[in-house]
């Protein structure tokens, strides 16, 4: 019976390792060296000047869209794009909005 999922030997750092313990150790050393945690000095954001919006600007972020704003966004889209998995494309929405009374 021939085994196909067995590693008999490996070459690591120009040295051939044979046997279960040597192969296991070589594989372990390889992955340990690649995934070892190293200290990296990361940038700190605590002293960065962030822009702040006013209360009035904040209110604009939560207001409802007007029908005119919605129509403008739809009209700017490609008619073959789909809004979701239901295969209703922007062309259908444009036709629907174009024929609806406002």
PDB file of N, CA and C in Angstrom:
ATOM      1  N   UNK A   1       0.853  -1.180   0.000  1.00  0.00           N
ATOM      2  CA  UNK A   1       0.000   0.000   0.000  1.00  0.00           C
ATOM      3  C   UNK A   1       0.896   1.240   0.000  1.00  0.00           C
ATOM      4  N   UNK A   2       0.640   2.142  -0.946  1.00  0.00           N
ATOM      5  CA  UNK A   2       1.447   3.342  -1.077  1.00  0.00           C
ATOM      6  C   UNK A   2       0.725   4.512  -0.411  1.00  0.00           C
ATOM      7  N   UNK A   3       1.437   5.262   0.434  1.00  0.00           N
ATOM      8  CA  UNK A   3       0.870   6.409   1.127  1.00  0.00           C
ATOM      9  C   UNK A   3       1.195   7.675   0.354  1.00  0.00           C
ATOM     10  N   UNK A   4       0.184   8.493   0.113  1.00  0.00           N
ATOM     11  CA  UNK A   4       0.381   9.710  -0.660  1.00  0.00           C
ATOM     12  C   UNK A   4       0.401  10.967   0.207  1.00  0.00           C
ATOM     13  N   UNK A   5      -0.026  10.873   1.439  1.00  0.00           N
ATOM     14  CA  UNK A   5      -0.098  12.073   2.276  1.00  0.00           C
ATOM     15  C   UNK A   5       0.934  12.036   3.396  1.00  0.00           C
ATOM     16  N   UNK A   6       2.131  11.594   3.074  1.00  0.00           N
ATOM     17  CA  UNK A   6       3.196  11.477   4.060  1.00  0.00           C
ATOM     18  C   UNK A   6       4.384  12.310   3.595  1.00  0.00           C
ATOM     19  N   UNK A   7       4.953  13.074   4.516  1.00  0.00           N
ATOM     20  CA  UNK A   7       6.169  13.839   4.221  1.00  0.00           C
ATOM     21  C   UNK A   7       7.332  13.048   4.807  1.00  0.00           C
ATOM     22  N   UNK A   8       8.209  12.604   3.937  1.00  0.00           N
ATOM     23  CA  UNK A   8       9.343  11.788   4.374  1.00  0.00           C
ATOM     24  C   UNK A   8      10.529  12.668   4.730  1.00  0.00           C
ATOM     25  N   UNK A   9      10.749  13.715   3.931  1.00  0.00           N
ATOM     26  CA  UNK A   9      11.871  14.610   4.202  1.00  0.00           C
ATOM     27  C   UNK A   9      11.552  15.996   3.665  1.00  0.00           C
ATOM     28  N   UNK A  10      12.261  16.988   4.204  1.00  0.00           N
ATOM     29  CA  UNK A  10      12.133  18.367   3.718  1.00  0.00           C
ATOM     30  C   UNK A  10      13.515  18.986   3.631  1.00  0.00           C
ATOM     31  N   UNK A  11      13.637  19.986   2.781  1.00  0.00           N
ATOM     32  CA  UNK A  11      14.867  20.760   2.680  1.00  0.00           C
ATOM     33  C   UNK A  11      14.618  22.113   3.323  1.00  0.00           C
ATOM     34  N   UNK A  12      15.360  22.425   4.359  1.00  0.00           N
ATOM     35  CA  UNK A  12      15.217  23.703   5.046  1.00  0.00           C
ATOM     36  C   UNK A  12      16.595  24.285   5.272  1.00  0.00           C
ATOM     37  N   UNK A  13      16.777  25.511   4.792  1.00  0.00           N
ATOM     38  CA  UNK A  13      18.073  26.185   4.932  1.00  0.00           C
ATOM     39  C   UNK A  13      19.208  25.315   4.405  1.00  0.00           C
ATOM     40  N   UNK A  14      19.051  24.812   3.229  1.00  0.00           N
ATOM     41  CA  UNK A  14      20.001  23.939   2.519  1.00  0.00           C
ATOM     42  C   UNK A  14      20.388  22.694   3.318  1.00  0.00           C
ATOM     43  N   UNK A  15      19.590  22.299   4.273  1.00  0.00           N
ATOM     44  CA  UNK A  15      19.830  21.055   5.012  1.00  0.00           C
ATOM     45  C   UNK A  15      18.619  20.166   4.839  1.00  0.00           C
ATOM     46  N   UNK A  16      18.873  18.904   4.587  1.00  0.00           N
ATOM     47  CA  UNK A  16      17.769  17.961   4.423  1.00  0.00           C
ATOM     48  C   UNK A  16      17.433  17.343   5.769  1.00  0.00           C
ATOM     49  N   UNK A  17      16.150  17.346   6.095  1.00  0.00           N
ATOM     50  CA  UNK A  17      15.680  16.773   7.349  1.00  0.00           C
ATOM     51  C   UNK A  17      14.855  15.545   7.024  1.00  0.00           C
ATOM     52  N   UNK A  18      15.149  14.473   7.723  1.00  0.00           N
ATOM     53  CA  UNK A  18      14.430  13.218   7.512  1.00  0.00           C
ATOM     54  C   UNK A  18      13.948  12.702   8.847  1.00  0.00           C
ATOM     55  N   UNK A  19      12.871  11.962   8.813  1.00  0.00           N
ATOM     56  CA  UNK A  19      12.323  11.380  10.026  1.00  0.00           C
ATOM     57  C   UNK A  19      11.232  12.268  10.607  1.00  0.00           C
ATOM     58  N   UNK A  20      10.368  11.652  11.357  1.00  0.00           N
ATOM     59  CA  UNK A  20       9.197  12.344  11.885  1.00  0.00           C
ATOM     60  C   UNK A  20       9.591  13.537  12.755  1.00  0.00           C
ATOM     61  N   UNK A  21      10.486  13.346  13.696  1.00  0.00           N
ATOM     62  CA  UNK A  21      10.845  14.419  14.629  1.00  0.00           C
ATOM     63  C   UNK A  21      11.546  15.581  13.929  1.00  0.00           C
ATOM     64  N   UNK A  22      12.468  15.278  13.023  1.00  0.00           N
ATOM     65  CA  UNK A  22      13.173  16.350  12.309  1.00  0.00           C
ATOM     66  C   UNK A  22      12.235  17.120  11.387  1.00  0.00           C
ATOM     67  N   UNK A  23      11.381  16.413  10.653  1.00  0.00           N
ATOM     68  CA  UNK A  23      10.433  17.071   9.753  1.00  0.00           C
ATOM     69  C   UNK A  23       9.459  17.923  10.568  1.00  0.00           C
ATOM     70  N   UNK A  24       8.952  17.367  11.648  1.00  0.00           N
ATOM     71  CA  UNK A  24       8.030  18.104  12.508  1.00  0.00           C
ATOM     72  C   UNK A  24       8.697  19.366  13.061  1.00  0.00           C
ATOM     73  N   UNK A  25       9.919  19.249  13.517  1.00  0.00           N
ATOM     74  CA  UNK A  25      10.651  20.398  14.037  1.00  0.00           C
ATOM     75  C   UNK A  25      10.918  21.433  12.965  1.00  0.00           C
ATOM     76  N   UNK A  26      11.279  20.996  11.768  1.00  0.00           N
ATOM     77  CA  UNK A  26      11.543  21.921  10.660  1.00  0.00           C
ATOM     78  C   UNK A  26      10.299  22.689  10.247  1.00  0.00           C
ATOM     79  N   UNK A  27       9.170  21.994  10.169  1.00  0.00           N
ATOM     80  CA  UNK A  27       7.912  22.652   9.816  1.00  0.00           C
ATOM     81  C   UNK A  27       7.524  23.643  10.908  1.00  0.00           C
ATOM     82  N   UNK A  28       7.664  23.232  12.159  1.00  0.00           N
ATOM     83  CA  UNK A  28       7.338  24.104  13.278  1.00  0.00           C
ATOM     84  C   UNK A  28       8.203  25.365  13.256  1.00  0.00           C
ATOM     85  N   UNK A  29       9.504  25.213  13.052  1.00  0.00           N
ATOM     86  CA  UNK A  29      10.414  26.365  13.010  1.00  0.00           C
ATOM     87  C   UNK A  29      10.062  27.311  11.862  1.00  0.00           C
ATOM     88  N   UNK A  30       9.707  26.728  10.710  1.00  0.00           N
ATOM     89  CA  UNK A  30       9.353  27.544   9.557  1.00  0.00           C
ATOM     90  C   UNK A  30       8.162  28.442   9.871  1.00  0.00           C
ATOM     91  N   UNK A  31       7.082  27.856  10.368  1.00  0.00           N
ATOM     92  CA  UNK A  31       5.881  28.643  10.638  1.00  0.00           C
ATOM     93  C   UNK A  31       6.053  29.548  11.852  1.00  0.00           C
ATOM     94  N   UNK A  32       6.834  29.129  12.809  1.00  0.00           N
ATOM     95  CA  UNK A  32       7.089  29.979  13.966  1.00  0.00           C
ATOM     96  C   UNK A  32       7.825  31.245  13.541  1.00  0.00           C
ATOM     97  N   UNK A  33       8.775  31.115  12.627  1.00  0.00           N
ATOM     98  CA  UNK A  33       9.517  32.292  12.184  1.00  0.00           C
ATOM     99  C   UNK A  33       8.649  33.231  11.340  1.00  0.00           C
ATOM    100  N   UNK A  34       7.668  32.690  10.620  1.00  0.00           N
ATOM    101  CA  UNK A  34       6.807  33.532   9.789  1.00  0.00           C
ATOM    102  C   UNK A  34       5.682  34.193  10.577  1.00  0.00           C
ATOM    103  N   UNK A  35       5.216  33.574  11.631  1.00  0.00           N
ATOM    104  CA  UNK A  35       4.070  34.094  12.364  1.00  0.00           C
ATOM    105  C   UNK A  35       4.417  34.578  13.764  1.00  0.00           C
ATOM    106  N   UNK A  36       5.689  34.735  14.047  1.00  0.00           N
ATOM    107  CA  UNK A  36       6.119  35.233  15.346  1.00  0.00           C
ATOM    108  C   UNK A  36       5.690  36.677  15.494  1.00  0.00           C
ATOM    109  N   UNK A  37       5.227  37.009  16.658  1.00  0.00           N
ATOM    110  CA  UNK A  37       4.809  38.369  16.936  1.00  0.00           C
ATOM    111  C   UNK A  37       6.051  39.236  17.130  1.00  0.00           C
ATOM    112  N   UNK A  38       6.100  40.312  16.379  1.00  0.00           N
ATOM    113  CA  UNK A  38       7.229  41.228  16.514  1.00  0.00           C
ATOM    114  C   UNK A  38       6.686  42.602  16.892  1.00  0.00           C
ATOM    115  N   UNK A  39       7.466  43.329  17.650  1.00  0.00           N
ATOM    116  CA  UNK A  39       7.058  44.657  18.071  1.00  0.00           C
ATOM    117  C   UNK A  39       7.253  45.623  16.914  1.00  0.00           C
ATOM    118  N   UNK A  40       6.176  46.311  16.582  1.00  0.00           N
ATOM    119  CA  UNK A  40       6.222  47.323  15.537  1.00  0.00           C
ATOM    120  C   UNK A  40       5.666  48.599  16.137  1.00  0.00           C
ATOM    121  N   UNK A  41       6.420  49.662  16.040  1.00  0.00           N
ATOM    122  CA  UNK A  41       5.936  50.934  16.563  1.00  0.00           C
ATOM    123  C   UNK A  41       4.886  51.478  15.609  1.00  0.00           C
ATOM    124  N   UNK A  42       3.694  51.613  16.112  1.00  0.00           N
ATOM    125  CA  UNK A  42       2.580  52.054  15.290  1.00  0.00           C
ATOM    126  C   UNK A  42       2.307  53.530  15.552  1.00  0.00           C
ATOM    127  N   UNK A  43       1.797  54.222  14.534  1.00  0.00           N
ATOM    128  CA  UNK A  43       1.506  55.646  14.734  1.00  0.00           C
ATOM    129  C   UNK A  43       0.383  55.832  15.749  1.00  0.00           C
ATOM    130  N   UNK A  44       0.469  56.903  16.482  1.00  0.00           N
ATOM    131  CA  UNK A  44      -0.520  57.221  17.505  1.00  0.00           C
ATOM    132  C   UNK A  44      -1.454  58.302  16.963  1.00  0.00           C
ATOM    133  N   UNK A  45      -2.748  58.161  17.198  1.00  0.00           N
ATOM    134  CA  UNK A  45      -3.701  59.144  16.690  1.00  0.00           C
ATOM    135  C   UNK A  45      -4.176  60.103  17.769  1.00  0.00           C
ATOM    136  N   UNK A  46      -3.672  59.963  18.982  1.00  0.00           N
ATOM    137  CA  UNK A  46      -4.191  60.785  20.077  1.00  0.00           C
ATOM    138  C   UNK A  46      -3.891  62.265  19.908  1.00  0.00           C
ATOM    139  N   UNK A  47      -2.850  62.643  19.185  1.00  0.00           N
ATOM    140  CA  UNK A  47      -2.496  64.059  19.032  1.00  0.00           C
ATOM    141  C   UNK A  47      -2.881  64.632  17.670  1.00  0.00           C
ATOM    142  N   UNK A  48      -3.635  63.878  16.877  1.00  0.00           N
ATOM    143  CA  UNK A  48      -4.026  64.370  15.562  1.00  0.00           C
ATOM    144  C   UNK A  48      -5.230  65.297  15.666  1.00  0.00           C
ATOM    145  N   UNK A  49      -5.211  66.380  14.912  1.00  0.00           N
ATOM    146  CA  UNK A  49      -6.365  67.294  14.954  1.00  0.00           C
ATOM    147  C   UNK A  49      -7.483  66.779  14.042  1.00  0.00           C
ATOM    148  N   UNK A  50      -8.586  66.344  14.625  1.00  0.00           N
ATOM    149  CA  UNK A  50      -9.722  65.886  13.843  1.00  0.00           C
ATOM    150  C   UNK A  50     -10.693  67.031  13.633  1.00  0.00           C
ATOM    151  N   UNK A  51     -11.269  67.085  12.435  1.00  0.00           N
ATOM    152  CA  UNK A  51     -12.261  68.116  12.161  1.00  0.00           C
ATOM    153  C   UNK A  51     -13.565  67.722  12.844  1.00  0.00           C
ATOM    154  N   UNK A  52     -14.249  68.704  13.362  1.00  0.00           N
ATOM    155  CA  UNK A  52     -15.507  68.487  14.070  1.00  0.00           C
ATOM    156  C   UNK A  52     -16.593  69.249  13.331  1.00  0.00           C
ATOM    157  N   UNK A  53     -17.756  68.613  13.198  1.00  0.00           N
ATOM    158  CA  UNK A  53     -18.860  69.299  12.530  1.00  0.00           C
ATOM    159  C   UNK A  53     -19.737  69.983  13.582  1.00  0.00           C
ATOM    160  N   UNK A  54     -20.435  70.994  13.130  1.00  0.00           N
ATOM    161  CA  UNK A  54     -21.321  71.742  14.043  1.00  0.00           C
ATOM    162  C   UNK A  54     -22.610  70.960  14.262  1.00  0.00           C
ATOM    163  N   UNK A  55     -23.416  71.414  15.204  1.00  0.00           N
ATOM    164  CA  UNK A  55     -24.706  70.782  15.491  1.00  0.00           C
ATOM    165  C   UNK A  55     -25.616  70.885  14.276  1.00  0.00           C
ATOM    166  N   UNK A  56     -25.591  72.003  13.584  1.00  0.00           N
ATOM    167  CA  UNK A  56     -26.422  72.196  12.391  1.00  0.00           C
ATOM    168  C   UNK A  56     -26.017  71.197  11.307  1.00  0.00           C
ATOM    169  N   UNK A  57     -24.713  71.034  11.101  1.00  0.00           N
ATOM    170  CA  UNK A  57     -24.242  70.054  10.107  1.00  0.00           C
ATOM    171  C   UNK A  57     -24.619  68.637  10.535  1.00  0.00           C
ATOM    172  N   UNK A  58     -24.591  68.367  11.820  1.00  0.00           N
ATOM    173  CA  UNK A  58     -24.963  67.053  12.330  1.00  0.00           C
ATOM    174  C   UNK A  58     -26.422  66.736  12.085  1.00  0.00           C
ATOM    175  N   UNK A  59     -27.284  67.734  12.202  1.00  0.00           N
ATOM    176  CA  UNK A  59     -28.711  67.542  11.934  1.00  0.00           C
ATOM    177  C   UNK A  59     -28.917  67.174  10.466  1.00  0.00           C
ATOM    178  N   UNK A  60     -28.147  67.772   9.568  1.00  0.00           N
ATOM    179  CA  UNK A  60     -28.265  67.442   8.147  1.00  0.00           C
ATOM    180  C   UNK A  60     -27.915  65.984   7.859  1.00  0.00           C
ATOM    181  N   UNK A  61     -27.098  65.377   8.691  1.00  0.00           N
ATOM    182  CA  UNK A  61     -26.712  63.981   8.476  1.00  0.00           C
ATOM    183  C   UNK A  61     -27.853  63.004   8.743  1.00  0.00           C
ATOM    184  N   UNK A  62     -28.851  63.421   9.531  1.00  0.00           N
ATOM    185  CA  UNK A  62     -29.933  62.498   9.870  1.00  0.00           C
ATOM    186  C   UNK A  62     -31.275  62.913   9.270  1.00  0.00           C
ATOM    187  N   UNK A  63     -31.293  63.929   8.421  1.00  0.00           N
ATOM    188  CA  UNK A  63     -32.557  64.345   7.822  1.00  0.00           C
ATOM    189  C   UNK A  63     -32.947  63.383   6.697  1.00  0.00           C
ATOM    190  N   UNK A  64     -34.224  63.356   6.379  1.00  0.00           N
ATOM    191  CA  UNK A  64     -34.733  62.500   5.307  1.00  0.00           C
ATOM    192  C   UNK A  64     -34.406  63.115   3.949  1.00  0.00           C
ATOM    193  N   UNK A  65     -34.230  62.251   2.942  1.00  0.00           N
ATOM    194  CA  UNK A  65     -33.997  62.730   1.592  1.00  0.00           C
ATOM    195  C   UNK A  65     -35.310  63.220   1.005  1.00  0.00           C
ATOM    196  N   UNK A  66     -35.225  64.258   0.227  1.00  0.00           N
ATOM    197  CA  UNK A  66     -36.414  64.722  -0.488  1.00  0.00           C
ATOM    198  C   UNK A  66     -36.598  63.862  -1.733  1.00  0.00           C
ATOM    199  N   UNK A  67     -37.802  63.875  -2.283  1.00  0.00           N
ATOM    200  CA  UNK A  67     -38.066  63.103  -3.496  1.00  0.00           C
ATOM    201  C   UNK A  67     -37.190  63.602  -4.640  1.00  0.00           C
ATOM    202  N   UNK A  68     -36.954  64.892  -4.696  1.00  0.00           N
ATOM    203  CA  UNK A  68     -36.107  65.450  -5.759  1.00  0.00           C
ATOM    204  C   UNK A  68     -34.664  64.949  -5.638  1.00  0.00           C
ATOM    205  N   UNK A  69     -34.148  64.898  -4.407  1.00  0.00           N
ATOM    206  CA  UNK A  69     -32.787  64.375  -4.198  1.00  0.00           C
ATOM    207  C   UNK A  69     -32.709  62.909  -4.591  1.00  0.00           C
ATOM    208  N   UNK A  70     -33.733  62.143  -4.223  1.00  0.00           N
ATOM    209  CA  UNK A  70     -33.764  60.721  -4.562  1.00  0.00           C
ATOM    210  C   UNK A  70     -33.794  60.539  -6.073  1.00  0.00           C
ATOM    211  N   UNK A  71     -34.663  61.300  -6.759  1.00  0.00           N
ATOM    212  CA  UNK A  71     -34.741  61.192  -8.217  1.00  0.00           C
ATOM    213  C   UNK A  71     -33.409  61.548  -8.879  1.00  0.00           C
ATOM    214  N   UNK A  72     -32.730  62.573  -8.361  1.00  0.00           N
ATOM    215  CA  UNK A  72     -31.454  62.987  -8.950  1.00  0.00           C
ATOM    216  C   UNK A  72     -30.423  61.861  -8.848  1.00  0.00           C
ATOM    217  N   UNK A  73     -30.381  61.187  -7.706  1.00  0.00           N
ATOM    218  CA  UNK A  73     -29.444  60.071  -7.529  1.00  0.00           C
ATOM    219  C   UNK A  73     -29.780  58.944  -8.496  1.00  0.00           C
ATOM    220  N   UNK A  74     -31.067  58.619  -8.629  1.00  0.00           N
ATOM    221  CA  UNK A  74     -31.488  57.543  -9.534  1.00  0.00           C
ATOM    222  C   UNK A  74     -31.147  57.913 -10.975  1.00  0.00           C
ATOM    223  N   UNK A  75     -31.417  59.151 -11.371  1.00  0.00           N
ATOM    224  CA  UNK A  75     -31.150  59.563 -12.749  1.00  0.00           C
ATOM    225  C   UNK A  75     -29.656  59.571 -13.070  1.00  0.00           C
ATOM    226  N   UNK A  76     -28.797  59.705 -12.074  1.00  0.00           N
ATOM    227  CA  UNK A  76     -27.351  59.699 -12.284  1.00  0.00           C
ATOM    228  C   UNK A  76     -26.787  58.283 -12.408  1.00  0.00           C
ATOM    229  N   UNK A  77     -27.585  57.253 -12.128  1.00  0.00           N
ATOM    230  CA  UNK A  77     -27.106  55.862 -12.154  1.00  0.00           C
ATOM    231  C   UNK A  77     -27.264  55.244 -13.539  1.00  0.00           C
ATOM    232  N   UNK A  78     -26.446  54.247 -13.810  1.00  0.00           N
ATOM    233  CA  UNK A  78     -26.530  53.461 -15.035  1.00  0.00           C
ATOM    234  C   UNK A  78     -27.806  52.625 -15.000  1.00  0.00           C
ATOM    235  N   UNK A  79     -28.571  52.591 -16.104  1.00  0.00           N
ATOM    236  CA  UNK A  79     -29.858  51.896 -16.100  1.00  0.00           C
ATOM    237  C   UNK A  79     -29.737  50.390 -15.949  1.00  0.00           C
ATOM    238  N   UNK A  80     -28.567  49.817 -16.198  1.00  0.00           N
ATOM    239  CA  UNK A  80     -28.409  48.367 -16.114  1.00  0.00           C
ATOM    240  C   UNK A  80     -27.972  47.885 -14.733  1.00  0.00           C
ATOM    241  N   UNK A  81     -27.694  48.805 -13.824  1.00  0.00           N
ATOM    242  CA  UNK A  81     -27.309  48.428 -12.458  1.00  0.00           C
ATOM    243  C   UNK A  81     -28.545  47.967 -11.700  1.00  0.00           C
ATOM    244  N   UNK A  82     -28.344  46.989 -10.823  1.00  0.00           N
ATOM    245  CA  UNK A  82     -29.437  46.459 -10.026  1.00  0.00           C
ATOM    246  C   UNK A  82     -29.280  46.901  -8.582  1.00  0.00           C
ATOM    247  N   UNK A  83     -30.393  47.235  -7.941  1.00  0.00           N
ATOM    248  CA  UNK A  83     -30.359  47.679  -6.552  1.00  0.00           C
ATOM    249  C   UNK A  83     -30.184  46.520  -5.588  1.00  0.00           C
ATOM    250  N   UNK A  84     -30.534  45.321  -6.006  1.00  0.00           N
ATOM    251  CA  UNK A  84     -30.446  44.169  -5.107  1.00  0.00           C
ATOM    252  C   UNK A  84     -30.499  42.875  -5.888  1.00  0.00           C
ATOM    253  N   UNK A  85     -30.816  41.808  -5.193  1.00  0.00           N
ATOM    254  CA  UNK A  85     -30.830  40.486  -5.805  1.00  0.00           C
ATOM    255  C   UNK A  85     -32.138  40.181  -6.525  1.00  0.00           C
ATOM    256  N   UNK A  86     -33.094  41.102  -6.498  1.00  0.00           N
ATOM    257  CA  UNK A  86     -34.397  40.841  -7.113  1.00  0.00           C
ATOM    258  C   UNK A  86     -34.432  41.146  -8.608  1.00  0.00           C
ATOM    259  N   UNK A  87     -33.307  41.509  -9.209  1.00  0.00           N
ATOM    260  CA  UNK A  87     -33.171  41.790 -10.640  1.00  0.00           C
ATOM    261  C   UNK A  87     -33.958  43.004 -11.113  1.00  0.00           C
ATOM    262  N   UNK A  88     -34.417  43.844 -10.201  1.00  0.00           N
ATOM    263  CA  UNK A  88     -35.057  45.095 -10.607  1.00  0.00           C
ATOM    264  C   UNK A  88     -33.933  46.100 -10.817  1.00  0.00           C
ATOM    265  N   UNK A  89     -33.757  46.511 -12.068  1.00  0.00           N
ATOM    266  CA  UNK A  89     -32.638  47.410 -12.353  1.00  0.00           C
ATOM    267  C   UNK A  89     -33.073  48.865 -12.273  1.00  0.00           C
ATOM    268  N   UNK A  90     -32.093  49.756 -12.361  1.00  0.00           N
ATOM    269  CA  UNK A  90     -32.347  51.190 -12.250  1.00  0.00           C
ATOM    270  C   UNK A  90     -33.254  51.674 -13.378  1.00  0.00           C
ATOM    271  N   UNK A  91     -33.168  51.041 -14.553  1.00  0.00           N
ATOM    272  CA  UNK A  91     -34.046  51.411 -15.662  1.00  0.00           C
ATOM    273  C   UNK A  91     -35.507  51.273 -15.292  1.00  0.00           C
ATOM    274  N   UNK A  92     -35.863  50.194 -14.592  1.00  0.00           N
ATOM    275  CA  UNK A  92     -37.243  50.000 -14.135  1.00  0.00           C
ATOM    276  C   UNK A  92     -37.630  51.096 -13.144  1.00  0.00           C
ATOM    277  N   UNK A  93     -36.748  51.391 -12.211  1.00  0.00           N
ATOM    278  CA  UNK A  93     -37.033  52.415 -11.210  1.00  0.00           C
ATOM    279  C   UNK A  93     -37.212  53.774 -11.889  1.00  0.00           C
ATOM    280  N   UNK A  94     -36.366  54.075 -12.880  1.00  0.00           N
ATOM    281  CA  UNK A  94     -36.496  55.349 -13.600  1.00  0.00           C
ATOM    282  C   UNK A  94     -37.839  55.430 -14.314  1.00  0.00           C
ATOM    283  N   UNK A  95     -38.249  54.323 -14.958  1.00  0.00           N
ATOM    284  CA  UNK A  95     -39.544  54.308 -15.629  1.00  0.00           C
ATOM    285  C   UNK A  95     -40.670  54.515 -14.626  1.00  0.00           C
ATOM    286  N   UNK A  96     -40.575  53.852 -13.474  1.00  0.00           N
ATOM    287  CA  UNK A  96     -41.617  53.965 -12.455  1.00  0.00           C
ATOM    288  C   UNK A  96     -41.692  55.396 -11.917  1.00  0.00           C
ATOM    289  N   UNK A  97     -40.549  55.976 -11.588  1.00  0.00           N
ATOM    290  CA  UNK A  97     -40.537  57.335 -11.054  1.00  0.00           C
ATOM    291  C   UNK A  97     -40.948  58.359 -12.118  1.00  0.00           C
ATOM    292  N   UNK A  98     -40.612  58.069 -13.353  1.00  0.00           N
ATOM    293  CA  UNK A  98     -40.947  58.995 -14.439  1.00  0.00           C
ATOM    294  C   UNK A  98     -42.435  59.053 -14.692  1.00  0.00           C
ATOM    295  N   UNK A  99     -43.160  57.953 -14.433  1.00  0.00           N
ATOM    296  CA  UNK A  99     -44.589  57.908 -14.689  1.00  0.00           C
ATOM    297  C   UNK A  99     -45.425  58.166 -13.447  1.00  0.00           C
ATOM    298  N   UNK A 100     -44.800  58.248 -12.281  1.00  0.00           N
ATOM    299  CA  UNK A 100     -45.580  58.487 -11.060  1.00  0.00           C
ATOM    300  C   UNK A 100     -45.883  59.959 -10.927  1.00  0.00           C
ATOM    301  N   UNK A 101     -46.975  60.251 -10.305  1.00  0.00           N
ATOM    302  CA  UNK A 101     -47.324  61.668 -10.123  1.00  0.00           C
ATOM    303  C   UNK A 101     -46.707  62.173  -8.816  1.00  0.00           C
ATOM    304  N   UNK A 102     -46.177  63.373  -8.852  1.00  0.00           N
ATOM    305  CA  UNK A 102     -45.551  63.961  -7.665  1.00  0.00           C
ATOM    306  C   UNK A 102     -46.265  65.190  -7.238  1.00  0.00           C
TER     307      UNK A 102
END
